[in-house]
């Protein structure tokens, strides 16, 4: 599970970087920039969820001991 969360985080980070490069900062909510903004937010959420899963698993291990 630990390796899976790291792989998900890395893929989401790559998607985030790619989509940030596609955003037109003069009009971020028009055309293709809108899609890039939405997918950037989704990639950020995926990174956050994967990090939370890793933290929960660490807490589980500590409370079992």
C-alpha atoms as a PDB file:
ATOM      1  CA  UNK A   1       0.000   0.000   0.000  1.00  0.00           C
ATOM      2  CA  UNK A   2       2.870   2.340   0.792  1.00  0.00           C
ATOM      3  CA  UNK A   3       4.435   1.935  -2.645  1.00  0.00           C
ATOM      4  CA  UNK A   4       1.044   2.414  -4.308  1.00  0.00           C
ATOM      5  CA  UNK A   5       0.464   5.739  -2.568  1.00  0.00           C
ATOM      6  CA  UNK A   6       3.919   6.941  -3.598  1.00  0.00           C
ATOM      7  CA  UNK A   7       3.258   5.949  -7.226  1.00  0.00           C
ATOM      8  CA  UNK A   8      -0.109   7.737  -7.178  1.00  0.00           C
ATOM      9  CA  UNK A   9       1.533  10.833  -5.700  1.00  0.00           C
ATOM     10  CA  UNK A  10       4.252  10.880  -8.350  1.00  0.00           C
ATOM     11  CA  UNK A  11       1.766  10.464 -11.215  1.00  0.00           C
ATOM     12  CA  UNK A  12      -0.479  13.176  -9.762  1.00  0.00           C
ATOM     13  CA  UNK A  13       2.525  15.491  -9.383  1.00  0.00           C
ATOM     14  CA  UNK A  14       3.468  14.987 -13.025  1.00  0.00           C
ATOM     15  CA  UNK A  15      -0.107  15.702 -14.101  1.00  0.00           C
ATOM     16  CA  UNK A  16      -0.156  18.791 -11.885  1.00  0.00           C
ATOM     17  CA  UNK A  17       3.066  20.160 -13.378  1.00  0.00           C
ATOM     18  CA  UNK A  18       1.883  19.463 -16.928  1.00  0.00           C
ATOM     19  CA  UNK A  19      -1.457  21.175 -16.396  1.00  0.00           C
ATOM     20  CA  UNK A  20       0.018  24.207 -14.673  1.00  0.00           C
ATOM     21  CA  UNK A  21       2.152  24.748 -17.764  1.00  0.00           C
ATOM     22  CA  UNK A  22      -1.030  24.734 -19.894  1.00  0.00           C
ATOM     23  CA  UNK A  23      -2.844  27.440 -17.897  1.00  0.00           C
ATOM     24  CA  UNK A  24      -3.195  30.835 -19.546  1.00  0.00           C
ATOM     25  CA  UNK A  25      -2.864  33.122 -16.514  1.00  0.00           C
ATOM     26  CA  UNK A  26      -4.432  36.084 -18.337  1.00  0.00           C
ATOM     27  CA  UNK A  27      -7.712  34.166 -18.750  1.00  0.00           C
ATOM     28  CA  UNK A  28      -7.533  31.049 -16.565  1.00  0.00           C
ATOM     29  CA  UNK A  29     -11.212  30.116 -16.852  1.00  0.00           C
ATOM     30  CA  UNK A  30     -11.592  30.250 -20.622  1.00  0.00           C
ATOM     31  CA  UNK A  31     -11.109  27.456 -23.153  1.00  0.00           C
ATOM     32  CA  UNK A  32      -8.398  24.881 -22.526  1.00  0.00           C
ATOM     33  CA  UNK A  33      -7.161  26.797 -19.492  1.00  0.00           C
ATOM     34  CA  UNK A  34     -10.376  25.927 -17.674  1.00  0.00           C
ATOM     35  CA  UNK A  35      -9.714  22.225 -18.174  1.00  0.00           C
ATOM     36  CA  UNK A  36      -6.126  22.658 -17.008  1.00  0.00           C
ATOM     37  CA  UNK A  37      -7.255  24.465 -13.848  1.00  0.00           C
ATOM     38  CA  UNK A  38      -9.795  21.773 -12.998  1.00  0.00           C
ATOM     39  CA  UNK A  39      -7.370  18.903 -13.565  1.00  0.00           C
ATOM     40  CA  UNK A  40      -4.676  20.728 -11.581  1.00  0.00           C
ATOM     41  CA  UNK A  41      -7.047  20.970  -8.641  1.00  0.00           C
ATOM     42  CA  UNK A  42      -7.953  17.288  -9.033  1.00  0.00           C
ATOM     43  CA  UNK A  43      -4.271  16.297  -9.107  1.00  0.00           C
ATOM     44  CA  UNK A  44      -3.660  18.327  -5.956  1.00  0.00           C
ATOM     45  CA  UNK A  45      -6.537  16.521  -4.263  1.00  0.00           C
ATOM     46  CA  UNK A  46      -5.125  13.152  -5.326  1.00  0.00           C
ATOM     47  CA  UNK A  47      -1.769  14.046  -3.771  1.00  0.00           C
ATOM     48  CA  UNK A  48      -3.527  15.126  -0.583  1.00  0.00           C
ATOM     49  CA  UNK A  49      -5.573  11.912  -0.373  1.00  0.00           C
ATOM     50  CA  UNK A  50      -2.524   9.707  -0.969  1.00  0.00           C
ATOM     51  CA  UNK A  51      -0.624  11.583   1.745  1.00  0.00           C
ATOM     52  CA  UNK A  52      -3.526  11.208   4.161  1.00  0.00           C
ATOM     53  CA  UNK A  53      -3.681   7.467   3.492  1.00  0.00           C
ATOM     54  CA  UNK A  54       0.037   7.174   4.278  1.00  0.00           C
ATOM     55  CA  UNK A  55      -0.406   9.132   7.529  1.00  0.00           C
ATOM     56  CA  UNK A  56      -3.406   7.017   8.577  1.00  0.00           C
ATOM     57  CA  UNK A  57      -1.430   3.814   7.988  1.00  0.00           C
ATOM     58  CA  UNK A  58       1.443   5.151  10.134  1.00  0.00           C
ATOM     59  CA  UNK A  59      -0.989   6.021  12.922  1.00  0.00           C
ATOM     60  CA  UNK A  60      -2.534   2.551  12.677  1.00  0.00           C
ATOM     61  CA  UNK A  61       0.881   0.936  13.111  1.00  0.00           C
ATOM     62  CA  UNK A  62       1.693   3.123  16.110  1.00  0.00           C
ATOM     63  CA  UNK A  63      -1.592   2.455  17.878  1.00  0.00           C
ATOM     64  CA  UNK A  64      -1.300  -1.333  17.425  1.00  0.00           C
ATOM     65  CA  UNK A  65       2.047  -1.419  19.227  1.00  0.00           C
END
